[in-house]
Amino acid sequence: MASARKISRRTAELTQRMGASSRRGRQGHERRTARSFRGLSADRRGSRRKAASKRPLYIAVIAVASVAVVGVLLVAHSFFGFLSSDQQQKTSVTAGQQVTVTIAEGTGGSEIAQMLADDGVISDASTFLSAAQKQNVDSEFKPGTYSFVTGSDVQNVIDRLIAGPNTSENSITVTEGLTLSQIANLVEQNLGISVADFTTQAKASNYVGDYPFLQGAVSSGSDTLEGYLYPKTYDFSGQSPTADTVIRAMLDQFQKEVASLDFATAEASLESGYGVTMSDYDVLTLASIIEKEALTDEQRPKIASVFYNRLKIGMYLDSDATMGYVTGGDVSAEDLETDSPYNSYLHAGLPPTPICSPGLASIQSALSPSSTSYYYFWITSFEEVFSETYEEHQQAISAAQGS
């Protein structure tokens, strides 16, 4: 439960008039602009993932209030909300841990979904099964032994199960929404390259000469490859890969995946439509937040529109996912009071770097958001709600909860 936060009468009045966004599991806040007062900030995906999950916005978590609160506590509730038991359960698994799942011949789709959920590969069995059934592929999963990571993207897992197990012992699977740190751990576990060697080598300045698209990371001063290590299965059979070998394979894949995307035209359109100037690096950063927030590909363009609508009028992004990048997992009310550049409740605009490796769908959504008037969203395994006003947002959550 979130603790009470002392605020001034002036701030309380502003929150009643302005309003804010929200994330999977956390109730949306009333909208605030950077000009009105300092609010709460953001850090994609449990790794909803979502989590943000995938992963830990998490722009909206289920608000559960059992008692009426008066005075300042009432306003504090509008800021923080409460985590539902469902969300608490989903964020209990640490994303990025290697797990082995063996699927026997004749195992049904629902049983496979439950196995994956029990092992933490996915956050919710019903969401996974629903997505597979919608695509009519729940009977096409191939038996065998798979190497997954916890907090994986639902669609990525579905694609892996359709393709069948990778028999190579010298391979690594990077799923959407993993951070550079999590990828470094996977590299050590699967390829025997130490975390220290990998992270030392993973500097944008080491590769910008061969990969000019890294100039944004170098110019930002972060010099990190966060966001550029493209999610995919990499097979190094017959090789003795080094940190440099692995990183180049991932950068090559990133370059291949985005080659058909017209960043310049899309960014010009974003500036015309939203009045925001986005660099390629900014687009990748926003894509990483979208990755952490979305549960399905259909949600990504709408989530992107929420963020762009907020950026257009100077609202805070209010994404738990950005702060989750700092905490490495769950985000508490106290964490949201921490003055970090990744706290999108306290700092306007985008965080200084991407917060994970986004997939192509998230990058495309950051370049081409849906055209909406939404400023809020609320996403769970069972329902999604996008709203234009804070009042509609609260009403939608109440209706969904049957209150």
Protein backbone atom coordinates (compact mmCIF):
# COMPACT_ATOMS: atom_id res chain seq x y z
CA MET A 1 0.00 0.00 0.00
CA ALA A 2 1.28 3.44 -0.86
CA SER A 3 2.16 5.73 1.99
CA ALA A 4 0.58 9.14 2.41
CA ARG A 5 2.36 12.01 0.72
CA LYS A 6 2.20 15.49 2.18
CA ILE A 7 1.26 18.07 -0.40
CA SER A 8 0.21 21.68 -0.31
CA ARG A 9 -3.34 22.89 -0.70
CA ARG A 10 -2.27 24.53 -3.95
CA THR A 11 -0.95 21.23 -5.30
CA ALA A 12 -4.15 19.46 -4.32
CA GLU A 13 -6.19 22.03 -6.20
CA LEU A 14 -3.99 21.63 -9.27
CA THR A 15 -4.32 17.87 -9.27
CA GLN A 16 -8.09 18.16 -9.21
CA ARG A 17 -7.96 20.28 -12.36
CA MET A 18 -5.15 18.70 -14.32
CA GLY A 19 -4.96 14.90 -14.17
CA ALA A 20 -2.12 12.09 -15.28
CA SER A 21 -1.34 8.69 -16.87
CA SER A 22 -1.06 5.25 -15.41
CA ARG A 23 0.40 1.79 -15.90
CA ARG A 24 -0.34 -1.92 -15.66
CA GLY A 25 -1.32 -2.38 -12.07
CA ARG A 26 -0.86 1.15 -10.77
CA GLN A 27 -3.78 3.54 -10.87
CA GLY A 28 -3.37 6.54 -13.16
CA HIS A 29 -2.61 9.90 -11.66
CA GLU A 30 -4.38 13.13 -12.26
CA ARG A 31 -2.97 15.04 -15.18
CA ARG A 32 -0.09 17.38 -14.41
CA THR A 33 2.15 19.44 -16.64
CA ALA A 34 5.75 20.30 -15.99
CA ARG A 35 4.66 23.89 -15.70
CA SER A 36 2.05 23.28 -13.03
CA PHE A 37 4.12 21.53 -10.38
CA ARG A 38 6.70 18.81 -9.85
CA GLY A 39 4.96 15.49 -9.99
CA LEU A 40 5.94 11.83 -9.94
CA SER A 41 8.14 10.35 -12.72
CA ALA A 42 8.81 7.24 -14.84
CA ASP A 43 11.47 4.62 -15.77
CA ARG A 44 9.21 -0.59 -20.64
CA ARG A 45 8.04 -4.21 -19.00
CA GLY A 46 7.29 -7.16 -14.93
CA SER A 47 8.68 -7.35 -17.61
CA ARG A 48 4.99 -7.42 -17.93
CA ARG A 49 6.37 -8.30 -19.23
CA LYS A 50 4.79 -6.13 -18.07
CA ALA A 51 5.44 -5.39 -16.76
CA ALA A 52 6.56 -3.28 -17.32
CA SER A 53 7.12 -5.60 -16.91
CA LYS A 54 7.76 -8.06 -19.34
CA ARG A 55 7.63 -7.00 -17.72
CA PRO A 56 7.85 -3.26 -14.85
CA LEU A 57 4.36 3.59 -17.35
CA TYR A 58 3.70 1.14 -15.81
CA ILE A 59 0.89 3.72 -16.81
CA ALA A 60 -1.93 2.08 -14.76
CA VAL A 61 -2.11 -0.59 -11.98
CA ILE A 62 -5.29 -1.93 -10.38
CA ALA A 63 -6.33 0.36 -7.58
CA VAL A 64 -7.65 -1.53 -4.60
CA ALA A 65 -9.03 0.60 -1.81
CA SER A 66 -11.04 -0.98 0.96
CA VAL A 67 -11.52 2.00 3.22
CA ALA A 68 -12.44 5.62 2.60
CA VAL A 69 -9.56 8.01 3.17
CA VAL A 70 -10.01 11.67 3.92
CA GLY A 71 -7.97 14.85 3.58
CA VAL A 72 -4.46 14.51 2.31
CA LEU A 73 -4.71 10.71 2.15
CA LEU A 74 -7.40 11.00 -0.49
CA VAL A 75 -5.09 13.03 -2.70
CA ALA A 76 -2.22 10.65 -1.98
CA HIS A 77 -4.38 7.80 -3.21
CA SER A 78 -5.00 9.62 -6.47
CA PHE A 79 -1.23 9.87 -6.89
CA PHE A 80 -0.18 6.36 -5.97
CA GLY A 81 -3.16 3.97 -5.98
CA PHE A 82 -2.58 0.42 -4.81
CA LEU A 83 -1.12 -2.71 -6.32
CA SER A 84 -3.60 -5.48 -6.90
CA SER A 85 -2.91 -9.02 -5.76
CA ASP A 86 -2.77 -10.02 -9.43
CA GLN A 87 -0.06 -7.44 -10.16
CA GLN A 88 1.89 -8.33 -7.05
CA GLN A 89 1.94 -11.93 -8.16
CA LYS A 90 3.09 -11.07 -11.66
CA THR A 91 5.98 -8.90 -10.50
CA SER A 92 7.26 -11.49 -8.02
CA VAL A 93 9.38 -13.20 -10.71
CA THR A 94 12.67 -11.54 -11.60
CA ALA A 95 12.89 -11.00 -15.35
CA GLY A 96 15.90 -12.16 -17.32
CA GLN A 97 16.59 -15.46 -15.54
CA GLN A 98 17.37 -18.48 -17.72
CA VAL A 99 14.92 -21.39 -17.37
CA THR A 100 14.56 -24.70 -19.18
CA VAL A 101 11.09 -25.90 -20.14
CA THR A 102 10.44 -29.39 -21.51
CA ILE A 103 7.20 -29.95 -23.39
CA ALA A 104 6.20 -33.57 -23.83
CA GLU A 105 4.55 -34.94 -26.95
CA GLY A 106 0.79 -34.45 -26.83
CA THR A 107 0.82 -31.63 -24.27
CA GLY A 108 -2.13 -29.29 -24.87
CA GLY A 109 -2.01 -25.54 -25.29
CA SER A 110 -3.62 -24.75 -21.93
CA GLU A 111 -1.20 -27.04 -20.10
CA ILE A 112 1.77 -25.47 -21.90
CA ALA A 113 0.51 -22.01 -20.96
CA GLN A 114 0.30 -23.00 -17.31
CA MET A 115 3.79 -24.54 -17.38
CA LEU A 116 5.23 -21.35 -18.80
CA ALA A 117 3.44 -19.24 -16.20
CA ASP A 118 4.56 -21.50 -13.35
CA ASP A 119 8.18 -21.15 -14.49
CA GLY A 120 7.86 -17.37 -14.82
CA VAL A 121 8.48 -17.36 -18.58
CA ILE A 122 5.19 -15.49 -19.03
CA SER A 123 3.29 -13.46 -16.48
CA ASP A 124 -0.16 -14.92 -17.04
CA ALA A 125 -1.33 -18.22 -18.57
CA SER A 126 -4.73 -16.94 -19.71
CA THR A 127 -3.23 -14.00 -21.62
CA PHE A 128 -0.80 -16.33 -23.39
CA LEU A 129 -3.45 -18.90 -24.28
CA SER A 130 -5.86 -16.23 -25.48
CA ALA A 131 -3.20 -14.77 -27.79
CA ALA A 132 -2.34 -18.21 -29.18
CA GLN A 133 -5.99 -19.13 -29.74
CA LYS A 134 -6.67 -15.80 -31.44
CA GLN A 135 -3.94 -16.71 -33.96
CA ASN A 136 -5.20 -20.32 -34.19
CA VAL A 137 -1.75 -21.66 -33.34
CA ASP A 138 -2.32 -23.17 -29.88
CA SER A 139 -2.24 -26.67 -31.42
CA GLU A 140 0.96 -26.01 -33.40
CA PHE A 141 3.42 -25.87 -30.50
CA LYS A 142 6.26 -28.34 -30.98
CA PRO A 143 7.43 -30.64 -28.19
CA GLY A 144 10.99 -30.56 -26.94
CA THR A 145 13.28 -28.77 -24.52
CA TYR A 146 13.41 -25.00 -24.73
CA SER A 147 15.66 -22.43 -23.13
CA PHE A 148 13.63 -19.35 -22.15
CA VAL A 149 14.16 -16.37 -19.90
CA THR A 150 11.68 -15.22 -17.30
CA GLY A 151 9.48 -12.27 -18.17
CA SER A 152 9.49 -13.06 -21.89
CA ASP A 153 7.24 -11.35 -24.43
CA VAL A 154 4.12 -13.43 -25.13
CA GLN A 155 4.41 -13.22 -28.92
CA ASN A 156 8.09 -14.12 -28.81
CA VAL A 157 7.32 -17.26 -26.80
CA ILE A 158 4.51 -18.23 -29.19
CA ASP A 159 6.86 -17.85 -32.17
CA ARG A 160 9.53 -19.95 -30.44
CA LEU A 161 7.09 -22.75 -29.69
CA ILE A 162 5.87 -22.81 -33.28
CA ALA A 163 9.43 -22.86 -34.65
CA GLY A 164 10.49 -25.62 -32.27
CA PRO A 165 13.37 -25.99 -29.81
CA ASN A 166 16.84 -24.76 -30.68
CA THR A 167 19.17 -27.74 -30.31
CA SER A 168 22.38 -25.73 -30.27
CA GLU A 169 24.14 -25.59 -26.92
CA ASN A 170 26.04 -22.50 -28.00
CA SER A 171 23.14 -20.13 -28.48
CA ILE A 172 21.40 -17.34 -26.63
CA THR A 173 17.86 -16.03 -26.81
CA VAL A 174 17.36 -12.35 -26.07
CA THR A 175 13.69 -11.57 -25.59
CA GLU A 176 12.04 -8.19 -25.98
CA GLY A 177 12.27 -5.99 -22.90
CA LEU A 178 15.55 -7.24 -21.43
CA THR A 179 18.09 -4.72 -20.18
CA LEU A 180 21.77 -4.73 -21.08
CA SER A 181 22.52 -6.02 -17.58
CA GLN A 182 20.10 -8.92 -18.01
CA ILE A 183 21.54 -9.70 -21.44
CA ALA A 184 25.04 -9.73 -19.94
CA ASN A 185 23.89 -12.33 -17.41
CA LEU A 186 22.39 -14.48 -20.17
CA VAL A 187 25.61 -14.25 -22.17
CA GLU A 188 27.58 -15.46 -19.17
CA GLN A 189 25.15 -18.31 -18.47
CA ASN A 190 24.91 -19.50 -22.07
CA LEU A 191 28.20 -18.58 -23.71
CA GLY A 192 30.64 -18.45 -20.80
CA ILE A 193 31.58 -14.81 -21.37
CA SER A 194 31.79 -13.03 -18.03
CA VAL A 195 29.39 -10.23 -17.16
CA ALA A 196 32.37 -7.95 -16.53
CA ASP A 197 33.89 -8.59 -19.97
CA PHE A 198 30.58 -8.10 -21.74
CA THR A 199 29.57 -4.89 -19.97
CA THR A 200 33.07 -3.42 -20.37
CA GLN A 201 32.93 -4.06 -24.10
CA ALA A 202 29.33 -2.89 -24.52
CA LYS A 203 30.13 0.80 -25.05
CA ALA A 204 28.70 2.75 -27.97
CA SER A 205 32.04 4.48 -28.52
CA ASN A 206 33.62 1.08 -29.25
CA TYR A 207 31.31 0.54 -32.22
CA VAL A 208 30.10 3.89 -33.53
CA GLY A 209 32.73 3.81 -36.29
CA ASP A 210 31.16 0.70 -37.80
CA TYR A 211 27.59 1.43 -36.74
CA PRO A 212 26.85 5.16 -37.24
CA PHE A 213 23.35 4.78 -35.78
CA LEU A 214 25.05 4.64 -32.37
CA GLN A 215 25.99 8.31 -32.62
CA GLY A 216 22.94 9.25 -30.55
CA ALA A 217 24.14 7.17 -27.62
CA VAL A 218 27.63 8.62 -27.88
CA SER A 219 26.37 12.20 -28.17
CA SER A 220 24.07 11.75 -25.19
CA GLY A 221 27.08 11.12 -22.99
CA SER A 222 25.73 7.79 -21.80
CA ASP A 223 27.93 5.70 -24.13
CA THR A 224 25.69 2.71 -23.48
CA LEU A 225 24.38 0.11 -25.92
CA GLU A 226 21.15 -0.09 -23.94
CA GLY A 227 18.31 -0.52 -26.43
CA TYR A 228 20.51 -1.59 -29.35
CA LEU A 229 21.13 -5.25 -28.47
CA TYR A 230 18.34 -6.57 -30.63
CA PRO A 231 16.05 -9.31 -29.22
CA LYS A 232 16.50 -12.55 -31.15
CA THR A 233 17.96 -16.04 -30.87
CA TYR A 234 21.66 -16.02 -31.76
CA ASP A 235 23.38 -19.30 -32.65
CA PHE A 236 27.15 -19.47 -32.33
CA SER A 237 27.52 -23.18 -33.10
CA GLY A 238 31.06 -24.11 -34.10
CA GLN A 239 32.38 -20.79 -32.81
CA SER A 240 34.16 -19.58 -29.71
CA PRO A 241 32.38 -16.24 -29.39
CA THR A 242 33.84 -13.29 -27.55
CA ALA A 243 32.00 -10.31 -26.10
CA ASP A 244 32.83 -8.42 -29.29
CA THR A 245 31.48 -11.23 -31.48
CA VAL A 246 28.18 -11.34 -29.61
CA ILE A 247 27.72 -7.58 -29.52
CA ARG A 248 28.42 -7.24 -33.24
CA ALA A 249 25.88 -9.96 -34.01
CA MET A 250 23.25 -8.05 -32.03
CA LEU A 251 24.12 -4.71 -33.61
CA ASP A 252 24.05 -6.30 -37.07
CA GLN A 253 20.57 -7.60 -36.32
CA PHE A 254 19.39 -4.21 -35.07
CA GLN A 255 20.68 -2.59 -38.25
CA LYS A 256 18.92 -5.21 -40.38
CA GLU A 257 15.60 -4.89 -38.53
CA VAL A 258 15.34 -1.09 -38.73
CA ALA A 259 16.78 -0.73 -42.24
CA SER A 260 13.33 -0.36 -43.81
CA LEU A 261 12.13 2.26 -41.30
CA ASP A 262 12.14 5.89 -42.42
CA PHE A 263 13.13 7.63 -39.20
CA ALA A 264 13.56 11.08 -40.75
CA THR A 265 10.10 11.21 -42.33
CA ALA A 266 8.44 9.80 -39.22
CA GLU A 267 10.22 12.26 -36.94
CA ALA A 268 9.17 15.16 -39.16
CA SER A 269 5.58 13.93 -38.94
CA LEU A 270 5.81 13.69 -35.15
CA GLU A 271 7.10 17.23 -34.92
CA SER A 272 4.29 18.45 -37.17
CA GLY A 273 1.58 16.53 -35.36
CA TYR A 274 2.74 16.76 -31.75
CA GLY A 275 5.17 19.66 -31.71
CA VAL A 276 7.90 17.43 -30.28
CA THR A 277 11.39 17.10 -31.73
CA MET A 278 12.47 13.46 -31.67
CA SER A 279 15.93 12.19 -32.56
CA ASP A 280 16.51 8.57 -33.55
CA TYR A 281 17.81 8.01 -30.01
CA ASP A 282 14.68 9.57 -28.53
CA VAL A 283 12.52 7.25 -30.64
CA LEU A 284 14.45 4.23 -29.39
CA THR A 285 14.10 5.46 -25.81
CA LEU A 286 10.34 5.86 -26.11
CA ALA A 287 10.10 2.49 -27.87
CA SER A 288 11.78 0.87 -24.88
CA ILE A 289 9.14 2.32 -22.53
CA ILE A 290 6.37 1.13 -24.84
CA GLU A 291 7.97 -2.32 -24.79
CA LYS A 292 7.75 -2.42 -21.02
CA GLU A 293 4.18 -1.16 -20.93
CA ALA A 294 2.45 -3.24 -23.59
CA LEU A 295 1.12 -6.75 -23.31
CA THR A 296 0.11 -7.08 -26.99
CA ASP A 297 1.21 -5.59 -30.29
CA GLU A 298 -2.23 -4.03 -30.74
CA GLN A 299 -1.71 -1.94 -27.59
CA ARG A 300 1.64 -0.49 -28.63
CA PRO A 301 0.49 2.28 -31.07
CA LYS A 302 -2.17 3.41 -28.59
CA ILE A 303 0.30 3.49 -25.72
CA ALA A 304 2.64 5.49 -27.96
CA SER A 305 -0.17 7.98 -28.60
CA VAL A 306 -0.69 8.45 -24.86
CA PHE A 307 2.96 9.33 -24.38
CA TYR A 308 3.08 11.67 -27.37
CA ASN A 309 -0.12 13.41 -26.27
CA ARG A 310 1.50 13.97 -22.89
CA LEU A 311 4.78 15.20 -24.34
CA LYS A 312 2.84 17.60 -26.56
CA ILE A 313 1.35 19.50 -23.62
CA GLY A 314 4.25 19.09 -21.22
CA MET A 315 2.70 16.39 -19.03
CA TYR A 316 4.86 13.97 -17.11
CA LEU A 317 5.00 10.47 -18.59
CA ASP A 318 4.29 8.96 -15.15
CA SER A 319 5.68 5.55 -16.07
CA ASP A 320 6.69 3.12 -13.36
CA ALA A 321 8.75 1.34 -16.03
CA THR A 322 11.38 4.06 -16.17
CA MET A 323 11.95 3.92 -12.42
CA GLY A 324 11.87 0.13 -12.63
CA TYR A 325 15.03 0.44 -14.72
CA VAL A 326 16.74 1.83 -11.63
CA THR A 327 15.26 -0.54 -9.05
CA GLY A 328 15.64 -3.57 -11.29
CA GLY A 329 12.10 -4.76 -10.62
CA ASP A 330 9.17 -3.69 -8.51
CA VAL A 331 8.56 0.01 -7.92
CA SER A 332 7.27 1.22 -4.57
CA ALA A 333 5.67 4.53 -3.63
CA GLU A 334 8.94 5.45 -1.92
CA ASP A 335 10.87 4.72 -5.13
CA LEU A 336 8.66 7.20 -6.95
CA GLU A 337 9.86 9.90 -4.55
CA THR A 338 13.50 9.26 -5.52
CA ASP A 339 15.09 12.09 -7.48
CA SER A 340 16.48 10.06 -10.37
CA PRO A 341 16.65 11.21 -14.02
CA TYR A 342 14.75 7.99 -14.75
CA ASN A 343 11.89 9.01 -12.48
CA SER A 344 9.27 10.23 -14.95
CA TYR A 345 7.02 11.30 -12.10
CA LEU A 346 9.59 13.92 -11.05
CA HIS A 347 11.24 14.76 -14.37
CA ALA A 348 9.49 15.88 -17.54
CA GLY A 349 10.24 14.36 -20.91
CA LEU A 350 12.09 11.16 -21.71
CA PRO A 351 14.65 9.38 -19.50
CA PRO A 352 18.31 9.85 -20.51
CA THR A 353 18.64 6.43 -22.19
CA PRO A 354 16.51 3.52 -23.37
CA ILE A 355 15.45 1.24 -20.52
CA CYS A 356 15.52 -2.09 -22.38
CA SER A 357 15.87 -3.68 -25.82
CA PRO A 358 12.58 -3.05 -27.66
CA GLY A 359 11.27 -5.23 -30.46
CA LEU A 360 10.45 -3.97 -33.93
CA ALA A 361 6.74 -3.52 -33.13
CA SER A 362 7.54 -1.08 -30.34
CA ILE A 363 9.98 0.87 -32.51
CA GLN A 364 7.39 1.09 -35.27
CA SER A 365 4.80 2.30 -32.77
CA ALA A 366 7.14 5.01 -31.50
CA LEU A 367 7.55 6.17 -35.10
CA SER A 368 3.88 5.88 -36.02
CA PRO A 369 1.53 6.17 -33.01
CA SER A 370 -2.22 5.86 -33.29
CA SER A 371 -4.13 9.11 -33.65
CA THR A 372 -6.01 9.41 -30.36
CA SER A 373 -6.94 11.88 -27.66
CA TYR A 374 -5.91 9.48 -24.89
CA TYR A 375 -3.85 10.60 -21.92
CA TYR A 376 -4.35 7.54 -19.70
CA PHE A 377 -4.32 3.77 -19.95
CA TRP A 378 -4.97 0.87 -17.61
CA ILE A 379 -3.86 -2.61 -18.68
CA THR A 380 -4.20 -5.96 -16.95
CA SER A 381 -4.08 -9.53 -18.21
CA PHE A 382 -7.83 -9.42 -18.72
CA GLU A 383 -8.66 -5.90 -19.79
CA GLU A 384 -7.32 -2.71 -21.28
CA VAL A 385 -8.79 0.77 -20.93
CA PHE A 386 -7.66 3.96 -22.66
CA SER A 387 -9.17 7.24 -21.52
CA GLU A 388 -9.12 10.91 -22.50
CA THR A 389 -9.67 12.41 -19.05
CA TYR A 390 -8.69 11.48 -15.54
CA GLU A 391 -12.35 11.26 -14.54
CA GLU A 392 -13.07 8.80 -17.38
CA HIS A 393 -9.96 6.88 -16.39
CA GLN A 394 -11.13 6.47 -12.80
CA GLN A 395 -14.67 5.56 -13.89
CA ALA A 396 -13.35 2.92 -16.30
CA ILE A 397 -11.21 1.33 -13.59
CA SER A 398 -14.14 1.32 -11.15
CA ALA A 399 -16.43 -0.23 -13.76
CA ALA A 400 -13.88 -2.90 -14.62
CA GLN A 401 -13.48 -3.75 -10.95
CA GLY A 402 -17.23 -3.96 -10.53
CA SER A 403 -17.31 -1.23 -7.90
